[in-house]
């Protein structure tokens, strides 16, 4: 059996399951906030599956994190690295996230948004070595930059950022 969950993380799913009896487990599979897409080929009984989940064997589940539940901050991006790119105007980023709380590092970055997700994941959106901080007067003014870097720690961070930008 493989159950895909959308919009819920492993910790929250386990908390929900721990609050119920085996008799209610089938109902959870059918009605978990509308966020479970089931492809049922489980050969065991539902109680056995419920027991596996209660023991935190969540390997049967594929989790897709929520894209909502984040805040824009000016800090907390330590340890992130380049994960992908985003082509969008500065004005569109400002409309989506507000003015950048980080005005750059004074060296290679001119503008940066740090997205802190509720599950602790972090994303950064920033320009790199194309603005005035790095290139002086020949650098692109930040308002004209359209190619942005996406940084993070997790491999799915680009997808999370793209879902927010495209929503």
Protein backbone atom coordinates (compact mmCIF):
# COMPACT_ATOMS: atom_id res chain seq x y z
CA UNK A 1 0.00 0.00 0.00
CA UNK A 2 1.21 3.49 -0.79
CA UNK A 3 -0.70 6.46 0.57
CA UNK A 4 0.18 9.92 -0.65
CA UNK A 5 -0.57 12.80 1.68
CA UNK A 6 -0.79 16.33 0.40
CA UNK A 7 -0.57 19.35 2.62
CA UNK A 8 0.39 17.50 5.79
CA UNK A 9 3.74 16.57 7.23
CA UNK A 10 4.84 13.37 8.98
CA UNK A 11 4.69 14.81 12.49
CA UNK A 12 1.13 16.10 12.10
CA UNK A 13 -0.02 12.88 10.45
CA UNK A 14 1.41 10.77 13.29
CA UNK A 15 -0.26 13.05 15.86
CA UNK A 16 -3.61 12.58 14.13
CA UNK A 17 -3.23 8.80 13.99
CA UNK A 18 -2.18 8.53 17.63
CA UNK A 19 -5.42 10.16 18.69
CA UNK A 20 -7.66 7.48 17.23
CA UNK A 21 -8.62 3.90 17.74
CA UNK A 22 -8.12 1.18 15.11
CA UNK A 23 -11.85 1.30 14.43
CA UNK A 24 -11.55 4.90 13.25
CA UNK A 25 -8.48 4.35 11.09
CA UNK A 26 -10.47 3.52 7.95
CA UNK A 27 -12.34 6.79 8.37
CA UNK A 28 -9.03 8.65 8.55
CA UNK A 29 -7.89 7.11 5.29
CA UNK A 30 -11.13 8.28 3.71
CA UNK A 31 -11.45 11.71 5.28
CA UNK A 32 -8.13 13.08 6.48
CA UNK A 33 -9.00 16.70 5.80
CA UNK A 34 -9.38 15.76 2.15
CA UNK A 35 -5.60 15.55 1.94
CA UNK A 36 -5.04 11.82 1.51
CA UNK A 37 -5.01 10.27 -1.93
CA UNK A 38 -5.16 6.53 -1.48
CA UNK A 39 -3.93 3.85 -3.80
CA UNK A 40 -4.83 0.78 -1.80
CA UNK A 41 -3.05 -2.44 -2.51
CA UNK A 42 -2.34 -3.27 1.12
CA UNK A 43 -2.60 -7.01 1.67
CA UNK A 44 -2.75 -6.88 5.47
CA UNK A 45 -5.68 -5.81 7.58
CA UNK A 46 -6.34 -2.21 8.59
CA UNK A 47 -5.38 -2.86 12.23
CA UNK A 48 -1.95 -4.08 11.12
CA UNK A 49 -1.49 -0.90 9.07
CA UNK A 50 -2.68 1.22 11.98
CA UNK A 51 -0.20 -0.54 14.30
CA UNK A 52 2.66 0.14 11.87
CA UNK A 53 1.82 3.83 11.81
CA UNK A 54 1.44 3.96 15.60
CA UNK A 55 4.97 2.55 15.82
CA UNK A 56 6.11 5.40 13.54
CA UNK A 57 6.76 3.29 10.47
CA UNK A 58 5.76 6.00 8.07
CA UNK A 59 7.64 4.49 5.14
CA UNK A 60 4.30 3.53 3.59
CA UNK A 61 3.46 7.19 3.15
CA UNK A 62 4.68 9.76 0.67
CA UNK A 63 4.46 13.24 2.14
CA UNK A 64 4.09 16.44 0.18
CA UNK A 65 4.65 19.44 2.45
CA UNK A 66 2.26 22.33 2.58
CA UNK A 67 3.26 25.40 0.69
CA UNK A 68 1.31 27.65 3.00
CA UNK A 69 2.39 28.20 6.54
CA UNK A 70 5.44 30.36 6.08
CA UNK A 71 6.59 33.82 7.03
CA UNK A 72 9.11 36.17 5.45
CA UNK A 73 11.92 37.03 7.81
CA UNK A 74 15.25 38.78 7.65
CA UNK A 75 17.13 36.04 9.43
CA UNK A 76 17.48 32.30 9.93
CA UNK A 77 19.01 31.33 6.58
CA UNK A 78 22.27 29.90 7.91
CA UNK A 79 23.42 26.70 6.25
CA UNK A 80 21.40 27.09 3.07
CA UNK A 81 22.86 26.54 -0.37
CA UNK A 82 21.81 27.06 -3.98
CA UNK A 83 19.03 24.67 -5.01
CA UNK A 84 17.58 26.31 -8.12
CA UNK A 85 16.57 29.44 -9.97
CA UNK A 86 13.51 31.62 -10.38
CA UNK A 87 12.84 33.96 -13.29
CA UNK A 88 10.50 36.67 -12.06
CA UNK A 89 10.58 40.45 -11.83
CA UNK A 90 11.62 42.24 -8.68
CA UNK A 91 8.22 43.95 -8.65
CA UNK A 92 6.41 40.60 -8.70
CA UNK A 93 8.53 39.35 -5.79
CA UNK A 94 7.72 42.50 -3.84
CA UNK A 95 4.01 42.03 -4.55
CA UNK A 96 4.20 38.41 -3.32
CA UNK A 97 6.55 38.79 -0.31
CA UNK A 98 6.84 42.52 0.40
CA UNK A 99 10.01 44.56 0.27
CA UNK A 100 13.06 42.37 0.86
CA UNK A 101 13.86 42.39 4.58
CA UNK A 102 17.52 41.70 3.73
CA UNK A 103 19.12 44.39 1.61
CA UNK A 104 22.00 42.14 0.72
CA UNK A 105 25.35 41.32 2.18
CA UNK A 106 27.06 44.42 0.81
CA UNK A 107 29.14 42.20 -1.45
CA UNK A 108 27.49 39.67 -3.78
CA UNK A 109 23.79 40.02 -2.89
CA UNK A 110 21.59 43.11 -3.23
CA UNK A 111 18.19 41.75 -2.11
CA UNK A 112 17.11 38.64 -0.24
CA UNK A 113 13.87 37.18 1.08
CA UNK A 114 14.06 34.45 3.71
CA UNK A 115 10.99 32.22 3.94
CA UNK A 116 10.67 30.36 7.23
CA UNK A 117 8.16 27.50 6.90
CA UNK A 118 6.10 26.28 9.84
CA UNK A 119 7.81 22.89 9.65
CA UNK A 120 11.24 24.53 10.15
CA UNK A 121 12.34 24.39 6.53
CA UNK A 122 13.97 27.56 5.18
CA UNK A 123 14.14 29.02 1.68
CA UNK A 124 15.99 32.04 0.40
CA UNK A 125 15.33 34.03 -2.75
CA UNK A 126 18.22 36.30 -3.70
CA UNK A 127 20.22 37.78 -6.54
CA UNK A 128 23.87 36.82 -6.81
CA UNK A 129 26.78 38.71 -8.36
CA UNK A 130 24.68 40.63 -10.87
CA UNK A 131 23.76 43.75 -8.92
CA UNK A 132 25.50 46.94 -7.92
CA UNK A 133 26.96 45.49 -4.70
CA UNK A 134 29.22 43.19 -6.70
CA UNK A 135 29.59 45.05 -10.00
CA UNK A 136 29.48 48.66 -8.86
CA UNK A 137 27.91 51.14 -11.26
CA UNK A 138 27.85 48.58 -14.10
CA UNK A 139 25.68 46.24 -12.01
CA UNK A 140 21.99 45.74 -12.67
CA UNK A 141 19.76 47.88 -10.43
CA UNK A 142 17.89 45.55 -8.07
CA UNK A 143 14.55 46.75 -9.49
CA UNK A 144 15.59 45.41 -12.92
CA UNK A 145 16.83 41.98 -11.81
CA UNK A 146 14.72 39.11 -13.16
CA UNK A 147 16.94 36.06 -12.50
CA UNK A 148 16.92 34.97 -8.85
CA UNK A 149 18.58 32.17 -6.90
CA UNK A 150 16.63 29.86 -4.59
CA UNK A 151 18.55 28.57 -1.61
CA UNK A 152 17.59 26.06 1.03
CA UNK A 153 18.55 22.93 2.90
CA UNK A 154 16.03 20.41 1.59
CA UNK A 155 15.90 19.08 -1.97
CA UNK A 156 12.20 19.96 -2.41
CA UNK A 157 12.60 23.63 -1.48
CA UNK A 158 12.46 24.81 -5.09
CA UNK A 159 9.08 23.12 -5.56
CA UNK A 160 7.79 24.72 -2.37
CA UNK A 161 8.90 28.19 -3.45
CA UNK A 162 7.49 27.72 -6.96
CA UNK A 163 4.09 26.71 -5.56
CA UNK A 164 3.97 29.89 -3.50
CA UNK A 165 5.11 32.11 -6.37
CA UNK A 166 2.62 30.53 -8.79
CA UNK A 167 -0.35 30.61 -6.39
